[in-house]
C-alpha atoms as a PDB file:
ATOM      1  CA  MET A   1     -17.988  -3.818 -26.686  1.00  0.00           C
ATOM      2  CA  GLY A   2     -18.545  -0.211 -27.602  1.00  0.00           C
ATOM      3  CA  PHE A   3     -19.503   2.621 -25.323  1.00  0.00           C
ATOM      4  CA  SER A   4     -22.457   4.904 -26.152  1.00  0.00           C
ATOM      5  CA  LYS A   5     -22.014   8.612 -25.299  1.00  0.00           C
ATOM      6  CA  ARG A   6     -25.745   9.194 -25.020  1.00  0.00           C
ATOM      7  CA  PHE A   7     -27.021   6.918 -22.289  1.00  0.00           C
ATOM      8  CA  LEU A   8     -27.316   8.093 -18.623  1.00  0.00           C
ATOM      9  CA  THR A   9     -29.354   4.942 -17.695  1.00  0.00           C
ATOM     10  CA  VAL A  10     -28.448   1.531 -18.671  1.00  0.00           C
ATOM     11  CA  ALA A  11     -30.880  -1.318 -18.525  1.00  0.00           C
ATOM     12  CA  LEU A  12     -29.574  -4.377 -16.547  1.00  0.00           C
ATOM     13  CA  VAL A  13     -28.818  -7.351 -18.759  1.00  0.00           C
ATOM     14  CA  VAL A  14     -27.374 -10.566 -17.625  1.00  0.00           C
ATOM     15  CA  ALA A  15     -26.753 -13.999 -19.101  1.00  0.00           C
ATOM     16  CA  LEU A  16     -29.238 -16.718 -18.207  1.00  0.00           C
ATOM     17  CA  THR A  17     -26.634 -18.415 -15.972  1.00  0.00           C
ATOM     18  CA  LEU A  18     -26.555 -15.235 -13.951  1.00  0.00           C
ATOM     19  CA  ALA A  19     -30.300 -14.639 -13.781  1.00  0.00           C
ATOM     20  CA  SER A  20     -30.452 -15.219  -9.982  1.00  0.00           C
ATOM     21  CA  VAL A  21     -27.635 -14.136  -7.803  1.00  0.00           C
ATOM     22  CA  SER A  22     -27.655 -14.309  -4.040  1.00  0.00           C
ATOM     23  CA  LEU A  23     -25.854 -12.028  -1.841  1.00  0.00           C
ATOM     24  CA  ALA A  24     -25.548 -13.262   1.775  1.00  0.00           C
ATOM     25  CA  PHE A  25     -23.866 -12.575   5.091  1.00  0.00           C
ATOM     26  CA  ALA A  26     -20.966 -14.820   5.783  1.00  0.00           C
ATOM     27  CA  ASP A  27     -18.176 -13.633   8.018  1.00  0.00           C
ATOM     28  CA  ASP A  28     -17.424 -15.219  11.370  1.00  0.00           C
ATOM     29  CA  THR A  29     -13.697 -14.059  11.416  1.00  0.00           C
ATOM     30  CA  LEU A  30     -14.288 -10.589  13.052  1.00  0.00           C
ATOM     31  CA  THR A  31     -11.482  -9.665  15.525  1.00  0.00           C
ATOM     32  CA  THR A  32     -12.507  -8.746  19.133  1.00  0.00           C
ATOM     33  CA  GLU A  33     -10.983  -5.254  18.258  1.00  0.00           C
ATOM     34  CA  ARG A  34     -13.297  -4.798  15.368  1.00  0.00           C
ATOM     35  CA  LYS A  35     -16.130  -6.025  17.442  1.00  0.00           C
ATOM     36  CA  ALA A  36     -15.331  -3.468  20.199  1.00  0.00           C
ATOM     37  CA  GLU A  37     -15.350  -0.703  17.504  1.00  0.00           C
ATOM     38  CA  VAL A  38     -18.862  -1.674  16.221  1.00  0.00           C
ATOM     39  CA  LEU A  39     -20.139  -1.785  19.671  1.00  0.00           C
ATOM     40  CA  HIS A  40     -18.711   1.432  20.628  1.00  0.00           C
ATOM     41  CA  GLU A  41     -20.320   3.104  17.264  1.00  0.00           C
ATOM     42  CA  LEU A  42     -23.704   1.593  18.482  1.00  0.00           C
ATOM     43  CA  ASP A  43     -23.002   3.139  21.959  1.00  0.00           C
ATOM     44  CA  LEU A  44     -22.967  -0.331  23.494  1.00  0.00           C
ATOM     45  CA  PHE A  45     -19.356  -0.284  24.600  1.00  0.00           C
ATOM     46  CA  LEU A  46     -17.811   2.970  25.914  1.00  0.00           C
ATOM     47  CA  GLY A  47     -14.182   2.068  26.655  1.00  0.00           C
ATOM     48  CA  VAL A  48     -12.218   3.614  29.397  1.00  0.00           C
ATOM     49  CA  ASP A  49     -11.847   7.239  28.252  1.00  0.00           C
ATOM     50  CA  LEU A  50     -14.865   9.350  27.475  1.00  0.00           C
ATOM     51  CA  ASP A  51     -12.961  11.718  25.073  1.00  0.00           C
ATOM     52  CA  VAL A  52     -11.025   9.174  22.945  1.00  0.00           C
ATOM     53  CA  PHE A  53     -12.286   5.623  22.307  1.00  0.00           C
ATOM     54  CA  THR A  54      -9.843   3.486  24.278  1.00  0.00           C
ATOM     55  CA  PRO A  55     -11.265  -0.032  24.503  1.00  0.00           C
ATOM     56  CA  ASN A  56      -8.377  -1.447  26.796  1.00  0.00           C
ATOM     57  CA  LEU A  57      -9.265  -4.948  25.803  1.00  0.00           C
ATOM     58  CA  GLU A  58      -6.495  -6.550  27.708  1.00  0.00           C
ATOM     59  CA  GLY A  59      -7.447  -4.816  30.986  1.00  0.00           C
ATOM     60  CA  ALA A  60      -8.922  -6.277  34.040  1.00  0.00           C
ATOM     61  CA  THR A  61     -12.654  -5.857  34.600  1.00  0.00           C
ATOM     62  CA  ASP A  62     -15.162  -6.433  37.499  1.00  0.00           C
ATOM     63  CA  ARG A  63     -18.678  -7.435  37.961  1.00  0.00           C
ATOM     64  CA  ALA A  64     -19.970  -3.989  37.857  1.00  0.00           C
ATOM     65  CA  ALA A  65     -18.424  -3.304  34.427  1.00  0.00           C
ATOM     66  CA  ALA A  66     -19.775  -6.612  33.286  1.00  0.00           C
ATOM     67  CA  MET A  67     -23.211  -5.797  34.376  1.00  0.00           C
ATOM     68  CA  VAL A  68     -23.066  -2.393  32.578  1.00  0.00           C
ATOM     69  CA  MET A  69     -22.276  -4.315  29.253  1.00  0.00           C
ATOM     70  CA  VAL A  70     -25.134  -6.600  29.939  1.00  0.00           C
ATOM     71  CA  ALA A  71     -27.413  -3.566  30.659  1.00  0.00           C
ATOM     72  CA  ARG A  72     -26.379  -1.848  27.383  1.00  0.00           C
ATOM     73  CA  ALA A  73     -26.693  -4.980  25.239  1.00  0.00           C
ATOM     74  CA  LEU A  74     -30.245  -5.404  26.586  1.00  0.00           C
ATOM     75  CA  ASN A  75     -31.021  -1.832  25.898  1.00  0.00           C
ATOM     76  CA  TRP A  76     -32.179  -1.319  29.490  1.00  0.00           C
ATOM     77  CA  VAL A  77     -31.480   2.468  29.493  1.00  0.00           C
ATOM     78  CA  ASN A  78     -34.241   2.930  26.812  1.00  0.00           C
ATOM     79  CA  SER A  79     -36.856   0.933  28.721  1.00  0.00           C
ATOM     80  CA  GLU A  80     -39.906   2.733  29.891  1.00  0.00           C
ATOM     81  CA  ASP A  81     -39.257   1.818  33.516  1.00  0.00           C
ATOM     82  CA  TRP A  82     -35.505   2.652  33.453  1.00  0.00           C
ATOM     83  CA  ASP A  83     -34.592   4.756  36.651  1.00  0.00           C
ATOM     84  CA  ALA A  84     -31.372   6.647  36.294  1.00  0.00           C
ATOM     85  CA  GLU A  85     -31.400   7.177  40.025  1.00  0.00           C
ATOM     86  CA  GLY A  86     -32.076   3.535  40.776  1.00  0.00           C
ATOM     87  CA  VAL A  87     -30.485   2.151  44.050  1.00  0.00           C
ATOM     88  CA  SER A  88     -29.463  -1.592  44.043  1.00  0.00           C
ATOM     89  CA  GLY A  89     -29.382  -2.014  47.781  1.00  0.00           C
ATOM     90  CA  PHE A  90     -25.800  -3.438  47.749  1.00  0.00           C
ATOM     91  CA  GLU A  91     -23.106  -1.710  49.558  1.00  0.00           C
ATOM     92  CA  ASP A  92     -20.288  -2.305  47.223  1.00  0.00           C
ATOM     93  CA  VAL A  93     -21.566  -0.927  43.832  1.00  0.00           C
ATOM     94  CA  PRO A  94     -19.746   2.032  42.259  1.00  0.00           C
ATOM     95  CA  GLU A  95     -21.893   5.094  41.700  1.00  0.00           C
ATOM     96  CA  TRP A  96     -21.624   5.066  37.955  1.00  0.00           C
ATOM     97  CA  ALA A  97     -22.949   1.403  37.813  1.00  0.00           C
ATOM     98  CA  GLU A  98     -25.709   1.653  40.511  1.00  0.00           C
ATOM     99  CA  PRO A  99     -28.775   2.135  38.109  1.00  0.00           C
ATOM    100  CA  HIS A 100     -27.660  -0.724  35.891  1.00  0.00           C
ATOM    101  CA  VAL A 101     -27.061  -3.137  38.881  1.00  0.00           C
ATOM    102  CA  ALA A 102     -30.439  -1.718  40.329  1.00  0.00           C
ATOM    103  CA  TYR A 103     -32.339  -2.625  37.224  1.00  0.00           C
ATOM    104  CA  ALA A 104     -30.650  -6.051  37.039  1.00  0.00           C
ATOM    105  CA  VAL A 105     -31.817  -6.831  40.621  1.00  0.00           C
ATOM    106  CA  ASN A 106     -35.415  -5.726  39.763  1.00  0.00           C
ATOM    107  CA  MET A 107     -35.320  -7.923  36.619  1.00  0.00           C
ATOM    108  CA  GLU A 108     -33.868 -10.857  38.855  1.00  0.00           C
ATOM    109  CA  ILE A 109     -30.858 -10.925  36.670  1.00  0.00           C
ATOM    110  CA  THR A 110     -28.536 -10.968  39.673  1.00  0.00           C
ATOM    111  CA  TYR A 111     -28.881 -11.744  43.438  1.00  0.00           C
ATOM    112  CA  GLY A 112     -25.574 -10.641  44.562  1.00  0.00           C
ATOM    113  CA  VAL A 113     -23.381 -12.639  46.879  1.00  0.00           C
ATOM    114  CA  GLY A 114     -25.046 -12.119  50.233  1.00  0.00           C
ATOM    115  CA  ASP A 115     -24.541  -9.779  53.208  1.00  0.00           C
ATOM    116  CA  ASN A 116     -25.909  -6.776  51.015  1.00  0.00           C
ATOM    117  CA  ARG A 117     -22.920  -7.335  48.661  1.00  0.00           C
ATOM    118  CA  PHE A 118     -22.868  -7.430  44.838  1.00  0.00           C
ATOM    119  CA  GLY A 119     -19.412  -8.913  45.105  1.00  0.00           C
ATOM    120  CA  ASN A 120     -17.760  -6.325  43.093  1.00  0.00           C
ATOM    121  CA  ASP A 121     -14.327  -7.016  44.455  1.00  0.00           C
ATOM    122  CA  MET A 122     -14.632 -10.560  43.104  1.00  0.00           C
ATOM    123  CA  ASP A 123     -13.581 -11.669  39.546  1.00  0.00           C
ATOM    124  CA  VAL A 124     -16.393 -11.939  36.972  1.00  0.00           C
ATOM    125  CA  THR A 125     -16.274 -15.272  35.167  1.00  0.00           C
ATOM    126  CA  GLU A 126     -17.666 -16.759  32.061  1.00  0.00           C
ATOM    127  CA  ARG A 127     -20.321 -18.747  33.954  1.00  0.00           C
ATOM    128  CA  GLN A 128     -21.549 -15.740  35.723  1.00  0.00           C
ATOM    129  CA  MET A 129     -21.817 -13.484  32.721  1.00  0.00           C
ATOM    130  CA  GLN A 130     -23.490 -16.288  30.656  1.00  0.00           C
ATOM    131  CA  THR A 131     -26.075 -16.839  33.420  1.00  0.00           C
ATOM    132  CA  TRP A 132     -26.915 -13.168  33.599  1.00  0.00           C
ATOM    133  CA  PHE A 133     -27.597 -13.167  29.830  1.00  0.00           C
ATOM    134  CA  ASP A 134     -29.516 -16.405  29.989  1.00  0.00           C
ATOM    135  CA  ARG A 135     -31.798 -14.992  32.664  1.00  0.00           C
ATOM    136  CA  ALA A 136     -32.421 -11.836  30.753  1.00  0.00           C
ATOM    137  CA  LEU A 137     -33.077 -13.870  27.561  1.00  0.00           C
ATOM    138  CA  GLY A 138     -35.839 -15.737  29.386  1.00  0.00           C
ATOM    139  CA  LYS A 139     -34.057 -19.054  29.671  1.00  0.00           C
ATOM    140  CA  GLY A 140     -34.467 -19.147  33.500  1.00  0.00           C
ATOM    141  CA  ASP A 141     -31.723 -19.716  36.022  1.00  0.00           C
ATOM    142  CA  THR A 142     -29.107 -21.663  34.109  1.00  0.00           C
ATOM    143  CA  TRP A 143     -26.387 -21.472  36.707  1.00  0.00           C
ATOM    144  CA  VAL A 144     -26.547 -25.258  37.080  1.00  0.00           C
ATOM    145  CA  ASP A 145     -26.826 -25.872  33.318  1.00  0.00           C
ATOM    146  CA  ASN A 146     -23.872 -23.794  32.773  1.00  0.00           C
ATOM    147  CA  GLU A 147     -21.528 -25.928  34.874  1.00  0.00           C
ATOM    148  CA  ASP A 148     -19.422 -26.647  31.848  1.00  0.00           C
ATOM    149  CA  LEU A 149     -18.490 -22.884  31.538  1.00  0.00           C
ATOM    150  CA  ASP A 150     -15.284 -21.555  33.406  1.00  0.00           C
ATOM    151  CA  ASN A 151     -16.104 -20.227  36.847  1.00  0.00           C
ATOM    152  CA  ALA A 152     -12.611 -19.764  37.886  1.00  0.00           C
ATOM    153  CA  THR A 153     -10.751 -17.565  35.399  1.00  0.00           C
ATOM    154  CA  ALA A 154     -11.350 -13.848  35.639  1.00  0.00           C
ATOM    155  CA  LEU A 155     -12.573 -12.286  32.500  1.00  0.00           C
ATOM    156  CA  ILE A 156     -10.883  -9.420  30.885  1.00  0.00           C
ATOM    157  CA  ARG A 157     -12.518  -6.528  28.914  1.00  0.00           C
ATOM    158  CA  ALA A 158     -12.165  -8.352  25.590  1.00  0.00           C
ATOM    159  CA  ASP A 159     -14.151 -11.271  27.110  1.00  0.00           C
ATOM    160  CA  LEU A 160     -16.980  -8.887  27.831  1.00  0.00           C
ATOM    161  CA  VAL A 161     -17.072  -7.788  24.240  1.00  0.00           C
ATOM    162  CA  ASP A 162     -17.089 -11.279  22.791  1.00  0.00           C
ATOM    163  CA  HIS A 163     -19.872 -12.339  25.203  1.00  0.00           C
ATOM    164  CA  THR A 164     -21.987  -9.228  24.456  1.00  0.00           C
ATOM    165  CA  TRP A 165     -21.492  -9.770  20.696  1.00  0.00           C
ATOM    166  CA  ASP A 166     -22.753 -13.389  21.032  1.00  0.00           C
ATOM    167  CA  ALA A 167     -25.738 -12.351  23.187  1.00  0.00           C
ATOM    168  CA  LEU A 168     -26.808  -9.545  20.755  1.00  0.00           C
ATOM    169  CA  MET A 169     -27.469 -12.234  18.057  1.00  0.00           C
ATOM    170  CA  GLN A 170     -29.712 -14.346  20.284  1.00  0.00           C
ATOM    171  CA  VAL A 171     -33.509 -14.220  20.273  1.00  0.00           C
ATOM    172  CA  PRO A 172     -35.211 -14.024  23.724  1.00  0.00           C
ATOM    173  CA  VAL A 173     -37.555 -16.930  24.696  1.00  0.00           C
ATOM    174  CA  GLY A 174     -40.931 -16.184  23.102  1.00  0.00           C
ATOM    175  CA  GLY A 175     -39.518 -13.441  21.035  1.00  0.00           C
ATOM    176  CA  GLU A 176     -39.203 -13.023  17.229  1.00  0.00           C
ATOM    177  CA  GLU A 177     -36.253 -10.664  16.946  1.00  0.00           C
ATOM    178  CA  THR A 178     -32.670 -10.745  18.166  1.00  0.00           C
ATOM    179  CA  LEU A 179     -31.514  -8.390  20.938  1.00  0.00           C
ATOM    180  CA  ILE A 180     -29.636  -6.354  18.246  1.00  0.00           C
ATOM    181  CA  ASP A 181     -32.687  -6.026  16.020  1.00  0.00           C
ATOM    182  CA  THR A 182     -34.739  -4.884  19.003  1.00  0.00           C
ATOM    183  CA  ILE A 183     -32.179  -2.168  19.894  1.00  0.00           C
ATOM    184  CA  ILE A 184     -31.785  -1.049  16.228  1.00  0.00           C
ATOM    185  CA  GLY A 185     -35.637  -0.764  15.677  1.00  0.00           C
ATOM    186  CA  ASP A 186     -36.214   1.660  12.846  1.00  0.00           C
ATOM    187  CA  ASP A 187     -33.005   3.443  13.263  1.00  0.00           C
ATOM    188  CA  GLU A 188     -31.327   3.381   9.922  1.00  0.00           C
ATOM    189  CA  ASP A 189     -28.112   4.723  11.073  1.00  0.00           C
ATOM    190  CA  MET A 190     -27.682   2.035  13.644  1.00  0.00           C
ATOM    191  CA  LEU A 191     -28.729  -0.552  11.129  1.00  0.00           C
ATOM    192  CA  LEU A 192     -26.087   0.674   8.607  1.00  0.00           C
ATOM    193  CA  ILE A 193     -23.400   0.538  11.344  1.00  0.00           C
ATOM    194  CA  ALA A 194     -24.541  -3.028  12.394  1.00  0.00           C
ATOM    195  CA  LEU A 195     -24.472  -4.194   8.695  1.00  0.00           C
ATOM    196  CA  ALA A 196     -21.111  -2.675   7.984  1.00  0.00           C
ATOM    197  CA  GLY A 197     -19.823  -4.410  11.114  1.00  0.00           C
ATOM    198  CA  ASN A 198     -21.265  -7.875  10.330  1.00  0.00           C
ATOM    199  CA  LEU A 199     -23.420  -7.802  13.561  1.00  0.00           C
ATOM    200  CA  VAL A 200     -26.587  -8.280  11.599  1.00  0.00           C
ATOM    201  CA  PRO A 201     -26.943 -10.441   8.384  1.00  0.00           C
ATOM    202  CA  LEU A 202     -27.191  -8.755   5.028  1.00  0.00           C
ATOM    203  CA  LYS A 203     -30.456  -9.601   3.258  1.00  0.00           C
ATOM    204  CA  GLU A 204     -30.345 -12.475   0.851  1.00  0.00           C
ATOM    205  CA  ILE A 205     -31.746 -11.212  -2.441  1.00  0.00           C
ATOM    206  CA  ASP A 206     -32.440 -12.963  -5.768  1.00  0.00           C
ATOM    207  CA  ILE A 207     -31.502 -10.568  -8.585  1.00  0.00           C
ATOM    208  CA  ASP A 208     -34.144 -10.356 -11.271  1.00  0.00           C
ATOM    209  CA  PRO A 209     -32.479  -8.443 -14.123  1.00  0.00           C
ATOM    210  CA  ASP A 210     -35.853  -7.516 -15.596  1.00  0.00           C
ATOM    211  CA  GLU A 211     -36.650  -5.562 -12.350  1.00  0.00           C
ATOM    212  CA  TYR A 212     -33.539  -3.394 -12.149  1.00  0.00           C
ATOM    213  CA  GLU A 213     -32.406  -0.450 -13.898  1.00  0.00           C
ATOM    214  CA  ILE A 214     -29.123   0.938 -12.686  1.00  0.00           C
ATOM    215  CA  THR A 215     -28.073   4.584 -13.139  1.00  0.00           C
ATOM    216  CA  VAL A 216     -24.819   6.537 -12.346  1.00  0.00           C
ATOM    217  CA  ASP A 217     -24.691  10.097 -11.493  1.00  0.00           C
ATOM    218  CA  ASP A 218     -23.127  12.863  -9.280  1.00  0.00           C
ATOM    219  CA  LEU A 219     -20.040  13.153 -11.589  1.00  0.00           C
ATOM    220  CA  GLU A 220     -18.582  16.676 -11.628  1.00  0.00           C
ATOM    221  CA  LYS A 221     -16.933  16.589 -15.097  1.00  0.00           C
ATOM    222  CA  ALA A 222     -16.335  14.404 -18.077  1.00  0.00           C
ATOM    223  CA  PHE A 223     -12.537  14.676 -17.978  1.00  0.00           C
ATOM    224  CA  TYR A 224     -10.154  13.643 -15.233  1.00  0.00           C
ATOM    225  CA  ALA A 225      -6.533  13.316 -14.673  1.00  0.00           C
ATOM    226  CA  PRO A 226      -4.463  11.005 -12.532  1.00  0.00           C
ATOM    227  CA  GLY A 227      -4.481  12.386  -8.990  1.00  0.00           C
ATOM    228  CA  ASP A 228      -7.949  13.699  -9.286  1.00  0.00           C
ATOM    229  CA  THR A 229     -10.669  12.724  -6.888  1.00  0.00           C
ATOM    230  CA  LEU A 230     -13.428  10.885  -8.582  1.00  0.00           C
ATOM    231  CA  GLU A 231     -16.748  10.517  -7.036  1.00  0.00           C
ATOM    232  CA  PHE A 232     -20.131   9.026  -8.400  1.00  0.00           C
ATOM    233  CA  THR A 233     -23.254   7.397  -7.133  1.00  0.00           C
ATOM    234  CA  VAL A 234     -24.737   4.205  -8.337  1.00  0.00           C
ATOM    235  CA  ARG A 235     -28.520   3.964  -7.983  1.00  0.00           C
ATOM    236  CA  GLY A 236     -31.124   1.298  -8.573  1.00  0.00           C
ATOM    237  CA  LEU A 237     -29.395  -1.181  -6.283  1.00  0.00           C
ATOM    238  CA  GLU A 238     -31.243  -3.396  -3.609  1.00  0.00           C
ATOM    239  CA  PRO A 239     -31.361  -1.422  -0.432  1.00  0.00           C
ATOM    240  CA  LEU A 240     -29.303  -2.402   2.666  1.00  0.00           C
ATOM    241  CA  THR A 241     -27.119  -4.889   1.060  1.00  0.00           C
ATOM    242  CA  ARG A 242     -23.360  -4.924   0.774  1.00  0.00           C
ATOM    243  CA  GLN A 243     -22.290  -4.137  -2.801  1.00  0.00           C
ATOM    244  CA  LEU A 244     -18.909  -4.380  -4.616  1.00  0.00           C
ATOM    245  CA  ILE A 245     -18.347  -1.850  -7.274  1.00  0.00           C
ATOM    246  CA  HIS A 246     -15.427  -2.579  -9.598  1.00  0.00           C
ATOM    247  CA  VAL A 247     -14.015   0.487 -11.333  1.00  0.00           C
ATOM    248  CA  ARG A 248     -12.031  -0.125 -14.516  1.00  0.00           C
ATOM    249  CA  ILE A 249     -10.560   1.791 -17.291  1.00  0.00           C
ATOM    250  CA  HIS A 250     -11.261   0.812 -21.019  1.00  0.00           C
ATOM    251  CA  THR A 251      -8.189   1.605 -23.033  1.00  0.00           C
ATOM    252  CA  GLY A 252      -9.207   0.251 -26.567  1.00  0.00           C
ATOM    253  CA  GLY A 253     -12.135  -0.537 -28.742  1.00  0.00           C
ATOM    254  CA  PRO A 254     -14.197  -3.525 -28.709  1.00  0.00           C
ATOM    255  CA  GLY A 255     -12.608  -6.703 -27.589  1.00  0.00           C
ATOM    256  CA  PHE A 256      -9.690  -4.772 -25.928  1.00  0.00           C
ATOM    257  CA  PRO A 257      -8.930  -5.763 -22.313  1.00  0.00           C
ATOM    258  CA  PHE A 258      -9.645  -3.347 -19.390  1.00  0.00           C
ATOM    259  CA  PHE A 259      -6.962  -1.881 -17.325  1.00  0.00           C
ATOM    260  CA  GLY A 260      -6.809  -3.597 -13.835  1.00  0.00           C
ATOM    261  CA  ASP A 261      -9.572  -3.799 -11.227  1.00  0.00           C
ATOM    262  CA  GLU A 262      -8.582  -0.804  -8.990  1.00  0.00           C
ATOM    263  CA  THR A 263      -8.908   2.686 -10.201  1.00  0.00           C
ATOM    264  CA  PHE A 264      -8.411   4.233  -6.765  1.00  0.00           C
ATOM    265  CA  VAL A 265      -5.531   4.226  -4.428  1.00  0.00           C
ATOM    266  CA  ASP A 266      -7.529   2.427  -1.769  1.00  0.00           C
ATOM    267  CA  PRO A 267      -9.697  -0.353  -3.301  1.00  0.00           C
ATOM    268  CA  SER A 268     -11.625  -0.645  -0.015  1.00  0.00           C
ATOM    269  CA  VAL A 269     -13.554   2.413  -1.275  1.00  0.00           C
ATOM    270  CA  GLU A 270     -15.184   0.162  -3.779  1.00  0.00           C
ATOM    271  CA  GLU A 271     -17.186  -1.863  -1.167  1.00  0.00           C
ATOM    272  CA  GLY A 272     -19.888  -0.569   1.117  1.00  0.00           C
ATOM    273  CA  ILE A 273     -23.534  -0.835   2.140  1.00  0.00           C
ATOM    274  CA  VAL A 274     -26.167   0.242  -0.169  1.00  0.00           C
ATOM    275  CA  GLY A 275     -28.473   2.849   1.586  1.00  0.00           C
ATOM    276  CA  SER A 276     -32.216   2.519   2.131  1.00  0.00           C
ATOM    277  CA  ASP A 277     -32.692   4.537  -1.176  1.00  0.00           C
ATOM    278  CA  GLY A 278     -30.904   2.003  -3.270  1.00  0.00           C
ATOM    279  CA  SER A 279     -27.781   4.125  -3.736  1.00  0.00           C
ATOM    280  CA  ILE A 280     -24.179   3.811  -2.833  1.00  0.00           C
ATOM    281  CA  THR A 281     -21.530   6.519  -3.402  1.00  0.00           C
ATOM    282  CA  ILE A 282     -18.093   5.681  -4.462  1.00  0.00           C
ATOM    283  CA  SER A 283     -15.263   8.131  -3.987  1.00  0.00           C
ATOM    284  CA  GLY A 284     -11.428   8.041  -4.174  1.00  0.00           C
ATOM    285  CA  GLU A 285      -8.252   9.555  -5.562  1.00  0.00           C
ATOM    286  CA  LEU A 286      -7.064   8.363  -8.981  1.00  0.00           C
ATOM    287  CA  ARG A 287      -3.680   6.577  -9.114  1.00  0.00           C
ATOM    288  CA  ASP A 288      -0.859   8.447 -10.858  1.00  0.00           C
ATOM    289  CA  ASP A 289      -0.077   5.508 -13.167  1.00  0.00           C
ATOM    290  CA  LEU A 290      -3.408   5.290 -14.885  1.00  0.00           C
ATOM    291  CA  PRO A 291      -3.507   5.112 -18.556  1.00  0.00           C
ATOM    292  CA  GLU A 292      -5.744   7.166 -20.814  1.00  0.00           C
ATOM    293  CA  GLY A 293      -9.267   5.714 -21.463  1.00  0.00           C
ATOM    294  CA  ALA A 294     -12.833   5.618 -20.658  1.00  0.00           C
ATOM    295  CA  VAL A 295     -14.042   4.749 -17.041  1.00  0.00           C
ATOM    296  CA  VAL A 296     -16.524   1.905 -16.709  1.00  0.00           C
ATOM    297  CA  ILE A 297     -17.762   0.040 -13.601  1.00  0.00           C
ATOM    298  CA  THR A 298     -19.052  -3.464 -13.076  1.00  0.00           C
ATOM    299  CA  VAL A 299     -21.548  -4.578 -10.376  1.00  0.00           C
ATOM    300  CA  PRO A 300     -20.793  -8.240  -9.863  1.00  0.00           C
ATOM    301  CA  GLY A 301     -23.916  -9.013  -7.908  1.00  0.00           C
ATOM    302  CA  TYR A 302     -26.230  -7.718 -10.719  1.00  0.00           C
ATOM    303  CA  GLY A 303     -24.493  -9.715 -13.511  1.00  0.00           C
ATOM    304  CA  TYR A 304     -22.310  -7.065 -14.789  1.00  0.00           C
ATOM    305  CA  THR A 305     -19.002  -8.599 -15.950  1.00  0.00           C
ATOM    306  CA  ILE A 306     -15.918  -7.569 -17.988  1.00  0.00           C
ATOM    307  CA  ASP A 307     -18.048  -7.999 -21.031  1.00  0.00           C
ATOM    308  CA  ASN A 308     -21.072  -6.306 -19.706  1.00  0.00           C
ATOM    309  CA  THR A 309     -20.272  -2.998 -18.059  1.00  0.00           C
ATOM    310  CA  LEU A 310     -21.790   0.234 -17.091  1.00  0.00           C
ATOM    311  CA  SER A 311     -20.093   3.330 -18.766  1.00  0.00           C
ATOM    312  CA  LEU A 312     -19.567   6.490 -16.420  1.00  0.00           C
ATOM    313  CA  VAL A 313     -21.363   9.458 -18.268  1.00  0.00           C
ATOM    314  CA  SER A 314     -21.122  13.123 -17.321  1.00  0.00           C
ATOM    315  CA  ASP A 315     -22.971  15.826 -19.360  1.00  0.00           C
ATOM    316  CA  GLY A 316     -23.820  13.165 -22.064  1.00  0.00           C
ATOM    317  CA  MET A 317     -20.123  12.352 -22.526  1.00  0.00           C
ATOM    318  CA  GLU A 318     -18.001   9.323 -21.398  1.00  0.00           C
ATOM    319  CA  VAL A 319     -15.864  10.052 -18.377  1.00  0.00           C
ATOM    320  CA  MET A 320     -12.124   9.976 -19.621  1.00  0.00           C
ATOM    321  CA  ILE A 321      -9.001   9.718 -17.756  1.00  0.00           C
ATOM    322  CA  GLY A 322      -5.759  11.433 -18.700  1.00  0.00           C
ATOM    323  CA  THR A 323      -7.212  13.503 -21.595  1.00  0.00           C
ATOM    324  CA  ASP A 324      -8.222  17.163 -22.112  1.00  0.00           C
ATOM    325  CA  GLU A 325     -11.777  18.224 -22.835  1.00  0.00           C
ATOM    326  CA  SER A 326     -10.480  20.319 -25.743  1.00  0.00           C
ATOM    327  CA  GLU A 327      -8.893  17.375 -27.458  1.00  0.00           C
END
């Protein structure tokens, strides 16, 4: 195909077989380490160092730390009746966990182990933590129902992360939103973190090519050399969806093949979450081994293919690699 030097806006055209493309969330392979990072970014998991995030996932834990995780997952600290000076009435709760345990007592999430003790010197188990979450989700006292859960093996910090992650995706009894949706609310920054971390599903969308007009801008110049940093913004995409942007170099005329799929050193820069304004910015350093040619992109989810591309244009001229503006 040829490349026009006059268009800054390209109408979206796809084959009939690509008239409807669905983009959906499908990733259940996240590691506990990645889950911990996402929860930390959402301020739901602090780690063991307040200055540098140190999850210490293999470290031992106790009932107080587990209850703090439950409290953060349930967003108690932002509740109207949250009391930062709350007192649990137990004699063995550390000061840093006191308001969290106190709130749990008031919510009838925990009853302690008797004799004015929370039992913080005892191991926290899978059965205990799941029961706390079940009570908070409005499922009632499921201690007996959870008999199949391990009540003998002590959880470690990695287990707290995994249990919290699973609980965040649940909908309380009588509710309509998951716990994480409730926590996020209308906070777009949190939503983008949760989307990027696969904690909330991406929207499923049907692409109607007649409704989309994609543009590319924010290019600094029309001529780039290997090693330069190339940055551009693609606009007109469906907001808050994960989008792949493949950058290629066209090295010949119509019918000639493209050069590779990865223009940048790190191909991960070609994937990200589209913002609420329908834009995504792609930035990276051009490889040193690139041939001369015009830079084009493809947007797979919108029907752009090898034969149906979007040319990068700056100041009315195709963006070129390895050439000089004077040539």
